[in-house]
PDB file of N, CA and C in Angstrom:
ATOM      1  N   MET A   1      -9.272 -26.557   8.831  1.00  0.00           N
ATOM      2  CA  MET A   1      -8.311 -25.856   9.653  1.00  0.00           C
ATOM      3  C   MET A   1      -7.582 -26.867  10.527  1.00  0.00           C
ATOM      4  N   PRO A   2      -6.273 -26.827  10.528  1.00  0.00           N
ATOM      5  CA  PRO A   2      -5.514 -27.769  11.347  1.00  0.00           C
ATOM      6  C   PRO A   2      -5.814 -27.595  12.838  1.00  0.00           C
ATOM      7  N   GLY A   3      -5.792 -28.711  13.555  1.00  0.00           N
ATOM      8  CA  GLY A   3      -6.063 -28.674  14.982  1.00  0.00           C
ATOM      9  C   GLY A   3      -4.837 -28.399  15.830  1.00  0.00           C
ATOM     10  N   LYS A   4      -3.645 -28.492  15.243  1.00  0.00           N
ATOM     11  CA  LYS A   4      -2.408 -28.278  15.974  1.00  0.00           C
ATOM     12  C   LYS A   4      -1.510 -27.312  15.211  1.00  0.00           C
ATOM     13  N   ILE A   5      -0.724 -26.568  15.951  1.00  0.00           N
ATOM     14  CA  ILE A   5       0.193 -25.617  15.338  1.00  0.00           C
ATOM     15  C   ILE A   5       1.211 -26.334  14.461  1.00  0.00           C
ATOM     16  N   THR A   6       1.681 -27.481  14.905  1.00  0.00           N
ATOM     17  CA  THR A   6       2.680 -28.208  14.112  1.00  0.00           C
ATOM     18  C   THR A   6       2.123 -28.617  12.752  1.00  0.00           C
ATOM     19  N   VAL A   7       0.864 -29.008  12.728  1.00  0.00           N
ATOM     20  CA  VAL A   7       0.223 -29.381  11.450  1.00  0.00           C
ATOM     21  C   VAL A   7       0.071 -28.145  10.564  1.00  0.00           C
ATOM     22  N   ALA A   8      -0.311 -27.022  11.166  1.00  0.00           N
ATOM     23  CA  ALA A   8      -0.460 -25.779  10.403  1.00  0.00           C
ATOM     24  C   ALA A   8       0.873 -25.367   9.792  1.00  0.00           C
ATOM     25  N   LEU A   9       1.955 -25.450  10.580  1.00  0.00           N
ATOM     26  CA  LEU A   9       3.269 -25.058  10.074  1.00  0.00           C
ATOM     27  C   LEU A   9       3.767 -26.006   8.985  1.00  0.00           C
ATOM     28  N   THR A  10       3.514 -27.288   9.147  1.00  0.00           N
ATOM     29  CA  THR A  10       3.896 -28.250   8.115  1.00  0.00           C
ATOM     30  C   THR A  10       3.138 -27.968   6.825  1.00  0.00           C
ATOM     31  N   SER A  11       1.857 -27.695   6.954  1.00  0.00           N
ATOM     32  CA  SER A  11       1.035 -27.358   5.795  1.00  0.00           C
ATOM     33  C   SER A  11       1.545 -26.084   5.128  1.00  0.00           C
ATOM     34  N   TRP A  12       1.891 -25.094   5.938  1.00  0.00           N
ATOM     35  CA  TRP A  12       2.411 -23.824   5.419  1.00  0.00           C
ATOM     36  C   TRP A  12       3.723 -24.061   4.671  1.00  0.00           C
ATOM     37  N   GLU A  13       4.590 -24.899   5.242  1.00  0.00           N
ATOM     38  CA  GLU A  13       5.878 -25.199   4.618  1.00  0.00           C
ATOM     39  C   GLU A  13       5.682 -25.865   3.255  1.00  0.00           C
ATOM     40  N   HIS A  14       4.757 -26.794   3.174  1.00  0.00           N
ATOM     41  CA  HIS A  14       4.483 -27.470   1.897  1.00  0.00           C
ATOM     42  C   HIS A  14       3.903 -26.498   0.874  1.00  0.00           C
ATOM     43  N   ALA A  15       3.050 -25.592   1.333  1.00  0.00           N
ATOM     44  CA  ALA A  15       2.447 -24.620   0.414  1.00  0.00           C
ATOM     45  C   ALA A  15       3.495 -23.660  -0.133  1.00  0.00           C
ATOM     46  N   GLY A  16       4.568 -23.452   0.608  1.00  0.00           N
ATOM     47  CA  GLY A  16       5.589 -22.506   0.183  1.00  0.00           C
ATOM     48  C   GLY A  16       6.734 -23.094  -0.601  1.00  0.00           C
ATOM     49  N   LEU A  17       6.610 -24.325  -1.029  1.00  0.00           N
ATOM     50  CA  LEU A  17       7.702 -24.955  -1.766  1.00  0.00           C
ATOM     51  C   LEU A  17       8.068 -24.198  -3.038  1.00  0.00           C
ATOM     52  N   LEU A  18       7.088 -23.531  -3.635  1.00  0.00           N
ATOM     53  CA  LEU A  18       7.339 -22.801  -4.872  1.00  0.00           C
ATOM     54  C   LEU A  18       7.483 -21.291  -4.658  1.00  0.00           C
ATOM     55  N   ALA A  19       7.544 -20.872  -3.402  1.00  0.00           N
ATOM     56  CA  ALA A  19       7.690 -19.446  -3.113  1.00  0.00           C
ATOM     57  C   ALA A  19       9.015 -18.938  -3.674  1.00  0.00           C
ATOM     58  N   LYS A  20       9.013 -17.705  -4.150  1.00  0.00           N
ATOM     59  CA  LYS A  20      10.231 -17.120  -4.706  1.00  0.00           C
ATOM     60  C   LYS A  20      11.306 -16.960  -3.639  1.00  0.00           C
ATOM     61  N   ASN A  21      10.892 -16.643  -2.425  1.00  0.00           N
ATOM     62  CA  ASN A  21      11.845 -16.460  -1.334  1.00  0.00           C
ATOM     63  C   ASN A  21      11.342 -17.224  -0.119  1.00  0.00           C
ATOM     64  N   ARG A  22      11.881 -18.408   0.091  1.00  0.00           N
ATOM     65  CA  ARG A  22      11.403 -19.280   1.170  1.00  0.00           C
ATOM     66  C   ARG A  22      11.692 -18.705   2.551  1.00  0.00           C
ATOM     67  N   GLY A  23      12.745 -17.916   2.694  1.00  0.00           N
ATOM     68  CA  GLY A  23      13.039 -17.295   3.981  1.00  0.00           C
ATOM     69  C   GLY A  23      11.925 -16.364   4.408  1.00  0.00           C
ATOM     70  N   ARG A  24      11.471 -15.565   3.479  1.00  0.00           N
ATOM     71  CA  ARG A  24      10.346 -14.669   3.772  1.00  0.00           C
ATOM     72  C   ARG A  24       9.074 -15.472   4.032  1.00  0.00           C
ATOM     73  N   TRP A  25       8.854 -16.488   3.227  1.00  0.00           N
ATOM     74  CA  TRP A  25       7.652 -17.314   3.368  1.00  0.00           C
ATOM     75  C   TRP A  25       7.563 -17.907   4.772  1.00  0.00           C
ATOM     76  N   ARG A  26       8.698 -18.325   5.295  1.00  0.00           N
ATOM     77  CA  ARG A  26       8.713 -19.005   6.590  1.00  0.00           C
ATOM     78  C   ARG A  26       8.387 -18.097   7.767  1.00  0.00           C
ATOM     79  N   ILE A  27       8.574 -16.791   7.629  1.00  0.00           N
ATOM     80  CA  ILE A  27       8.272 -15.930   8.767  1.00  0.00           C
ATOM     81  C   ILE A  27       6.861 -15.335   8.726  1.00  0.00           C
ATOM     82  N   VAL A  28       6.114 -15.618   7.673  1.00  0.00           N
ATOM     83  CA  VAL A  28       4.740 -15.111   7.577  1.00  0.00           C
ATOM     84  C   VAL A  28       3.863 -15.582   8.747  1.00  0.00           C
ATOM     85  N   PRO A  29       3.834 -16.890   9.082  1.00  0.00           N
ATOM     86  CA  PRO A  29       2.978 -17.304  10.206  1.00  0.00           C
ATOM     87  C   PRO A  29       3.331 -16.605  11.516  1.00  0.00           C
ATOM     88  N   THR A  30       4.618 -16.425  11.764  1.00  0.00           N
ATOM     89  CA  THR A  30       5.027 -15.757  12.997  1.00  0.00           C
ATOM     90  C   THR A  30       4.582 -14.303  13.018  1.00  0.00           C
ATOM     91  N   SER A  31       4.658 -13.630  11.893  1.00  0.00           N
ATOM     92  CA  SER A  31       4.213 -12.233  11.859  1.00  0.00           C
ATOM     93  C   SER A  31       2.698 -12.136  12.051  1.00  0.00           C
ATOM     94  N   ILE A  32       1.957 -13.099  11.526  1.00  0.00           N
ATOM     95  CA  ILE A  32       0.502 -13.113  11.735  1.00  0.00           C
ATOM     96  C   ILE A  32       0.192 -13.345  13.206  1.00  0.00           C
ATOM     97  N   TRP A  33       0.827 -14.364  13.792  1.00  0.00           N
ATOM     98  CA  TRP A  33       0.545 -14.673  15.200  1.00  0.00           C
ATOM     99  C   TRP A  33       0.960 -13.540  16.116  1.00  0.00           C
ATOM    100  N   TRP A  34       2.096 -12.909  15.859  1.00  0.00           N
ATOM    101  CA  TRP A  34       2.557 -11.809  16.698  1.00  0.00           C
ATOM    102  C   TRP A  34       1.600 -10.617  16.590  1.00  0.00           C
ATOM    103  N   THR A  35       1.135 -10.329  15.382  1.00  0.00           N
ATOM    104  CA  THR A  35       0.196  -9.224  15.190  1.00  0.00           C
ATOM    105  C   THR A  35      -1.111  -9.483  15.943  1.00  0.00           C
ATOM    106  N   ILE A  36      -1.605 -10.700  15.860  1.00  0.00           N
ATOM    107  CA  ILE A  36      -2.836 -11.048  16.582  1.00  0.00           C
ATOM    108  C   ILE A  36      -2.619 -10.952  18.084  1.00  0.00           C
ATOM    109  N   TRP A  37      -1.475 -11.422  18.567  1.00  0.00           N
ATOM    110  CA  TRP A  37      -1.162 -11.342  20.001  1.00  0.00           C
ATOM    111  C   TRP A  37      -1.108  -9.885  20.466  1.00  0.00           C
ATOM    112  N   LYS A  38      -0.451  -9.035  19.690  1.00  0.00           N
ATOM    113  CA  LYS A  38      -0.374  -7.617  20.050  1.00  0.00           C
ATOM    114  C   LYS A  38      -1.762  -6.964  20.040  1.00  0.00           C
ATOM    115  N   GLU A  39      -2.585  -7.321  19.065  1.00  0.00           N
ATOM    116  CA  GLU A  39      -3.952  -6.781  19.004  1.00  0.00           C
ATOM    117  C   GLU A  39      -4.762  -7.242  20.201  1.00  0.00           C
ATOM    118  N   ARG A  40      -4.626  -8.502  20.562  1.00  0.00           N
ATOM    119  CA  ARG A  40      -5.321  -9.047  21.730  1.00  0.00           C
ATOM    120  C   ARG A  40      -4.930  -8.286  22.983  1.00  0.00           C
ATOM    121  N   ASN A  41      -3.623  -8.074  23.172  1.00  0.00           N
ATOM    122  CA  ASN A  41      -3.163  -7.333  24.348  1.00  0.00           C
ATOM    123  C   ASN A  41      -3.674  -5.903  24.347  1.00  0.00           C
ATOM    124  N   SER A  42      -3.679  -5.291  23.191  1.00  0.00           N
ATOM    125  CA  SER A  42      -4.177  -3.925  23.067  1.00  0.00           C
ATOM    126  C   SER A  42      -5.648  -3.846  23.470  1.00  0.00           C
ATOM    127  N   ARG A  43      -6.427  -4.797  23.024  1.00  0.00           N
ATOM    128  CA  ARG A  43      -7.856  -4.814  23.358  1.00  0.00           C
ATOM    129  C   ARG A  43      -8.099  -5.131  24.828  1.00  0.00           C
ATOM    130  N   CYS A  44      -7.353  -6.096  25.350  1.00  0.00           N
ATOM    131  CA  CYS A  44      -7.573  -6.539  26.736  1.00  0.00           C
ATOM    132  C   CYS A  44      -7.061  -5.548  27.768  1.00  0.00           C
ATOM    133  N   PHE A  45      -5.905  -4.972  27.529  1.00  0.00           N
ATOM    134  CA  PHE A  45      -5.240  -4.189  28.572  1.00  0.00           C
ATOM    135  C   PHE A  45      -5.263  -2.688  28.351  1.00  0.00           C
ATOM    136  N   GLU A  46      -5.539  -2.250  27.127  1.00  0.00           N
ATOM    137  CA  GLU A  46      -5.542  -0.824  26.836  1.00  0.00           C
ATOM    138  C   GLU A  46      -6.878  -0.331  26.297  1.00  0.00           C
ATOM    139  N   SER A  47      -7.811  -1.244  26.088  1.00  0.00           N
ATOM    140  CA  SER A  47      -9.130  -0.916  25.523  1.00  0.00           C
ATOM    141  C   SER A  47      -9.010  -0.188  24.181  1.00  0.00           C
ATOM    142  N   ILE A  48      -8.012  -0.588  23.401  1.00  0.00           N
ATOM    143  CA  ILE A  48      -7.807  -0.028  22.066  1.00  0.00           C
ATOM    144  C   ILE A  48      -8.063  -1.146  21.056  1.00  0.00           C
ATOM    145  N   GLU A  49      -8.920  -0.850  20.087  1.00  0.00           N
ATOM    146  CA  GLU A  49      -9.290  -1.845  19.085  1.00  0.00           C
ATOM    147  C   GLU A  49      -9.021  -1.303  17.695  1.00  0.00           C
ATOM    148  N   ASN A  50      -8.146  -1.957  16.961  1.00  0.00           N
ATOM    149  CA  ASN A  50      -7.864  -1.566  15.586  1.00  0.00           C
ATOM    150  C   ASN A  50      -8.873  -2.205  14.639  1.00  0.00           C
ATOM    151  N   SER A  51      -9.067  -1.562  13.502  1.00  0.00           N
ATOM    152  CA  SER A  51      -9.926  -2.132  12.465  1.00  0.00           C
ATOM    153  C   SER A  51      -9.220  -3.327  11.831  1.00  0.00           C
ATOM    154  N   MET A  52      -9.971  -4.159  11.159  1.00  0.00           N
ATOM    155  CA  MET A  52      -9.382  -5.306  10.467  1.00  0.00           C
ATOM    156  C   MET A  52      -8.364  -4.833   9.432  1.00  0.00           C
ATOM    157  N   ARG A  53      -8.661  -3.749   8.778  1.00  0.00           N
ATOM    158  CA  ARG A  53      -7.730  -3.193   7.783  1.00  0.00           C
ATOM    159  C   ARG A  53      -6.410  -2.810   8.440  1.00  0.00           C
ATOM    160  N   GLN A  54      -6.487  -2.173   9.601  1.00  0.00           N
ATOM    161  CA  GLN A  54      -5.281  -1.763  10.311  1.00  0.00           C
ATOM    162  C   GLN A  54      -4.493  -2.972  10.813  1.00  0.00           C
ATOM    163  N   ILE A  55      -5.203  -3.998  11.268  1.00  0.00           N
ATOM    164  CA  ILE A  55      -4.539  -5.225  11.732  1.00  0.00           C
ATOM    165  C   ILE A  55      -3.769  -5.865  10.583  1.00  0.00           C
ATOM    166  N   LYS A  56      -4.382  -5.939   9.406  1.00  0.00           N
ATOM    167  CA  LYS A  56      -3.704  -6.503   8.237  1.00  0.00           C
ATOM    168  C   LYS A  56      -2.487  -5.672   7.854  1.00  0.00           C
ATOM    169  N   LEU A  57      -2.641  -4.352   7.884  1.00  0.00           N
ATOM    170  CA  LEU A  57      -1.523  -3.471   7.560  1.00  0.00           C
ATOM    171  C   LEU A  57      -0.393  -3.643   8.569  1.00  0.00           C
ATOM    172  N   ASN A  58      -0.739  -3.739   9.849  1.00  0.00           N
ATOM    173  CA  ASN A  58       0.275  -3.953  10.887  1.00  0.00           C
ATOM    174  C   ASN A  58       1.046  -5.245  10.630  1.00  0.00           C
ATOM    175  N   CYS A  59       0.338  -6.276  10.222  1.00  0.00           N
ATOM    176  CA  CYS A  59       0.966  -7.560   9.938  1.00  0.00           C
ATOM    177  C   CYS A  59       1.931  -7.453   8.755  1.00  0.00           C
ATOM    178  N   ILE A  60       1.514  -6.785   7.704  1.00  0.00           N
ATOM    179  CA  ILE A  60       2.363  -6.616   6.520  1.00  0.00           C
ATOM    180  C   ILE A  60       3.587  -5.776   6.854  1.00  0.00           C
ATOM    181  N   LEU A  61       3.389  -4.716   7.612  1.00  0.00           N
ATOM    182  CA  LEU A  61       4.520  -3.867   7.992  1.00  0.00           C
ATOM    183  C   LEU A  61       5.507  -4.620   8.876  1.00  0.00           C
ATOM    184  N   LEU A  62       4.993  -5.415   9.795  1.00  0.00           N
ATOM    185  CA  LEU A  62       5.859  -6.220  10.646  1.00  0.00           C
ATOM    186  C   LEU A  62       6.641  -7.231   9.807  1.00  0.00           C
ATOM    187  N   LEU A  63       5.961  -7.874   8.878  1.00  0.00           N
ATOM    188  CA  LEU A  63       6.622  -8.831   7.990  1.00  0.00           C
ATOM    189  C   LEU A  63       7.757  -8.153   7.227  1.00  0.00           C
ATOM    190  N   CYS A  64       7.497  -6.993   6.682  1.00  0.00           N
ATOM    191  CA  CYS A  64       8.531  -6.278   5.933  1.00  0.00           C
ATOM    192  C   CYS A  64       9.687  -5.867   6.840  1.00  0.00           C
ATOM    193  N   PHE A  65       9.375  -5.400   8.030  1.00  0.00           N
ATOM    194  CA  PHE A  65      10.425  -5.024   8.979  1.00  0.00           C
ATOM    195  C   PHE A  65      11.305  -6.223   9.302  1.00  0.00           C
ATOM    196  N   TRP A  66      10.679  -7.346   9.632  1.00  0.00           N
ATOM    197  CA  TRP A  66      11.448  -8.549   9.958  1.00  0.00           C
ATOM    198  C   TRP A  66      12.270  -9.029   8.771  1.00  0.00           C
ATOM    199  N   CYS A  67      11.697  -8.973   7.579  1.00  0.00           N
ATOM    200  CA  CYS A  67      12.455  -9.384   6.392  1.00  0.00           C
ATOM    201  C   CYS A  67      13.695  -8.515   6.224  1.00  0.00           C
ATOM    202  N   ASN A  68      13.530  -7.226   6.409  1.00  0.00           N
ATOM    203  CA  ASN A  68      14.661  -6.315   6.245  1.00  0.00           C
ATOM    204  C   ASN A  68      15.697  -6.478   7.348  1.00  0.00           C
ATOM    205  N   GLN A  69      15.243  -6.693   8.568  1.00  0.00           N
ATOM    206  CA  GLN A  69      16.163  -6.748   9.700  1.00  0.00           C
ATOM    207  C   GLN A  69      16.783  -8.120   9.932  1.00  0.00           C
ATOM    208  N   LEU A  70      15.982  -9.148   9.810  1.00  0.00           N
ATOM    209  CA  LEU A  70      16.441 -10.478  10.194  1.00  0.00           C
ATOM    210  C   LEU A  70      17.011 -11.296   9.046  1.00  0.00           C
ATOM    211  N   LEU A  71      16.450 -11.165   7.877  1.00  0.00           N
ATOM    212  CA  LEU A  71      16.833 -12.049   6.788  1.00  0.00           C
ATOM    213  C   LEU A  71      17.715 -11.405   5.733  1.00  0.00           C
ATOM    214  N   LEU A  72      17.356 -10.243   5.325  1.00  0.00           N
ATOM    215  CA  LEU A  72      17.971  -9.698   4.123  1.00  0.00           C
ATOM    216  C   LEU A  72      19.055  -8.664   4.393  1.00  0.00           C
ATOM    217  N   ASN A  73      18.858  -7.897   5.440  1.00  0.00           N
ATOM    218  CA  ASN A  73      19.790  -6.836   5.793  1.00  0.00           C
ATOM    219  C   ASN A  73      20.015  -5.839   4.658  1.00  0.00           C
ATOM    220  N   ASP A  74      19.043  -5.713   3.778  1.00  0.00           N
ATOM    221  CA  ASP A  74      19.080  -4.660   2.784  1.00  0.00           C
ATOM    222  C   ASP A  74      17.645  -4.201   2.550  1.00  0.00           C
ATOM    223  N   PRO A  75      17.454  -2.927   2.314  1.00  0.00           N
ATOM    224  CA  PRO A  75      16.091  -2.405   2.208  1.00  0.00           C
ATOM    225  C   PRO A  75      15.373  -2.890   0.950  1.00  0.00           C
ATOM    226  N   VAL A  76      14.144  -3.341   1.156  1.00  0.00           N
ATOM    227  CA  VAL A  76      13.266  -3.695   0.047  1.00  0.00           C
ATOM    228  C   VAL A  76      11.910  -3.080   0.329  1.00  0.00           C
ATOM    229  N   SER A  77      11.126  -2.919  -0.699  1.00  0.00           N
ATOM    230  CA  SER A  77       9.811  -2.326  -0.524  1.00  0.00           C
ATOM    231  C   SER A  77       8.792  -3.383  -0.100  1.00  0.00           C
ATOM    232  N   ILE A  78       7.663  -2.910   0.367  1.00  0.00           N
ATOM    233  CA  ILE A  78       6.568  -3.806   0.733  1.00  0.00           C
ATOM    234  C   ILE A  78       6.162  -4.644  -0.476  1.00  0.00           C
ATOM    235  N   ILE A  79       6.104  -4.032  -1.623  1.00  0.00           N
ATOM    236  CA  ILE A  79       5.729  -4.735  -2.858  1.00  0.00           C
ATOM    237  C   ILE A  79       6.720  -5.849  -3.151  1.00  0.00           C
ATOM    238  N   ASP A  80       7.998  -5.593  -2.969  1.00  0.00           N
ATOM    239  CA  ASP A  80       9.008  -6.619  -3.209  1.00  0.00           C
ATOM    240  C   ASP A  80       8.815  -7.817  -2.273  1.00  0.00           C
ATOM    241  N   VAL A  81       8.553  -7.521  -0.996  1.00  0.00           N
ATOM    242  CA  VAL A  81       8.358  -8.599  -0.026  1.00  0.00           C
ATOM    243  C   VAL A  81       7.129  -9.426  -0.391  1.00  0.00           C
ATOM    244  N   LEU A  82       6.014  -8.761  -0.648  1.00  0.00           N
ATOM    245  CA  LEU A  82       4.783  -9.489  -0.972  1.00  0.00           C
ATOM    246  C   LEU A  82       4.911 -10.238  -2.284  1.00  0.00           C
ATOM    247  N   ASP A  83       5.612  -9.657  -3.240  1.00  0.00           N
ATOM    248  CA  ASP A  83       5.789 -10.325  -4.534  1.00  0.00           C
ATOM    249  C   ASP A  83       6.680 -11.566  -4.427  1.00  0.00           C
ATOM    250  N   SER A  84       7.537 -11.608  -3.429  1.00  0.00           N
ATOM    251  CA  SER A  84       8.465 -12.738  -3.308  1.00  0.00           C
ATOM    252  C   SER A  84       7.853 -13.943  -2.608  1.00  0.00           C
ATOM    253  N   LEU A  85       6.652 -13.815  -2.093  1.00  0.00           N
ATOM    254  CA  LEU A  85       6.021 -14.918  -1.361  1.00  0.00           C
ATOM    255  C   LEU A  85       5.370 -15.917  -2.302  1.00  0.00           C
TER     256      LEU A  85
END
């Protein structure tokens, strides 16, 4: 596991060289970190704890939302987004 965020992102970028859609690939780490941050806040400040399954689903849904809103501006399905990575 990388000790620094910059190393993790560089590693992620190299791993995605063959991704079908590099734009989508590049926002995956941010969607993971944002989902974890939101879960942390939910647990710390609202005493609400989601299951691991729900956390993963939240991350995938956020990724799809961001792909549709920020990158593509056209609707695609969750399957399309995941298949393009």
